[in-house]
Protein backbone atom coordinates (compact mmCIF):
# COMPACT_ATOMS: atom_id res chain seq x y z
CA MET A 1 0.17 0.03 -0.06
CA ALA A 2 1.56 2.89 -1.01
CA GLU A 3 1.93 6.32 1.99
CA TRP A 4 0.21 9.65 0.66
CA VAL A 5 -0.68 13.25 1.47
CA SER A 6 -3.61 14.92 -0.04
CA ASN A 7 -1.77 17.96 -0.94
CA SER A 8 -4.53 20.58 -1.49
CA ASN A 9 -4.81 21.55 2.38
CA PHE A 10 -1.69 22.29 2.56
CA VAL A 11 -0.96 23.95 -0.99
CA GLY A 12 -4.13 26.18 0.52
CA SER A 13 -2.74 27.04 3.79
CA ARG A 14 0.30 28.09 2.43
CA SER A 15 -0.99 29.99 -0.48
CA PRO A 16 -2.60 33.58 0.13
CA HIS A 17 -5.51 33.35 -2.56
CA THR A 18 -8.96 33.23 -0.63
CA GLU A 19 -10.51 32.83 -3.35
CA SER A 20 -13.13 29.49 -4.37
CA ILE A 21 -10.22 28.78 -7.22
CA TRP A 22 -7.48 29.19 -4.95
CA SER A 23 -5.61 25.76 -6.09
CA ALA A 24 -6.18 27.41 -9.74
CA LEU A 25 -4.58 30.61 -8.83
CA ALA A 26 -1.74 28.99 -6.73
CA LEU A 27 -0.64 27.43 -9.89
CA ILE A 28 -0.69 30.93 -11.57
CA LYS A 29 0.60 33.33 -9.04
CA ASP A 30 2.53 30.70 -6.52
CA PRO A 31 3.67 27.45 -8.38
CA GLY A 32 6.75 27.46 -5.80
CA ALA A 33 4.49 27.00 -3.18
CA VAL A 34 2.94 23.98 -5.15
CA VAL A 35 6.61 22.49 -5.82
CA ASP A 36 7.46 23.03 -1.89
CA VAL A 37 4.36 20.98 -0.85
CA HIS A 38 5.01 18.27 -3.11
CA VAL A 39 8.86 18.18 -1.93
CA ASP A 40 7.49 18.10 1.67
CA SER A 41 5.40 15.41 0.90
CA ILE A 42 8.15 13.47 -0.02
CA GLU A 43 10.52 13.74 2.45
CA ALA A 44 7.28 12.85 5.03
CA GLY A 45 7.23 9.51 3.56
CA ALA A 46 4.55 9.97 0.92
CA ASP A 47 5.09 7.77 -2.50
CA VAL A 48 2.63 9.08 -4.16
CA VAL A 49 1.56 12.99 -4.84
CA THR A 50 -1.74 13.94 -6.24
CA ILE A 51 -1.56 17.32 -8.81
CA ASN A 52 -2.65 20.60 -7.37
CA HIS A 53 -5.64 20.85 -9.30
CA TYR A 54 -8.67 21.06 -7.77
CA ALA A 55 -10.42 24.12 -8.52
CA VAL A 56 -9.11 23.57 -12.31
CA THR A 57 -12.79 22.74 -13.44
CA PRO A 58 -15.10 24.86 -16.43
CA PRO A 59 -17.40 25.54 -14.12
CA MET A 60 -15.07 26.76 -10.68
CA LEU A 61 -12.98 28.96 -13.43
CA ALA A 62 -15.84 30.25 -14.51
CA ARG A 63 -16.38 32.37 -11.73
CA ASP A 64 -13.17 34.43 -12.83
CA GLY A 65 -13.48 34.02 -16.51
CA MET A 66 -10.83 31.54 -16.75
CA GLU A 67 -12.99 28.48 -17.92
CA SER A 68 -10.42 28.48 -21.10
CA ARG A 69 -7.38 27.74 -18.87
CA VAL A 70 -8.52 24.33 -18.12
CA GLU A 71 -5.95 21.90 -20.05
CA GLU A 72 -3.02 24.67 -19.64
CA LEU A 73 -3.86 24.98 -15.78
CA THR A 74 -3.93 20.97 -15.51
CA GLU A 75 -0.69 20.58 -17.41
CA ARG A 76 0.99 23.08 -15.26
CA ALA A 77 -0.05 21.21 -12.19
CA LEU A 78 1.09 18.15 -13.61
CA ASP A 79 4.34 19.88 -14.75
CA LEU A 80 4.70 21.01 -11.12
CA ALA A 81 4.19 17.60 -9.59
CA LYS A 82 7.21 15.90 -11.63
CA LYS A 83 9.60 18.19 -10.53
């Protein structure tokens, strides 16, 4: 069984974004915090990390007029998780 840590709560606590699309905003405005959470999770013993894309959905992003950025932000979340 793999050990894993859900990083969405940790990224949210490190990111100053309080909007409902905070995880998407973290990908745009604070990607370093996203990478730090992945690294911290692995250093804490996680075998698996999840990508930071909780709010990266068309309905959520539409709240800020960013629904067209779903693919871009999903790819960014994947890239950051690989670092």
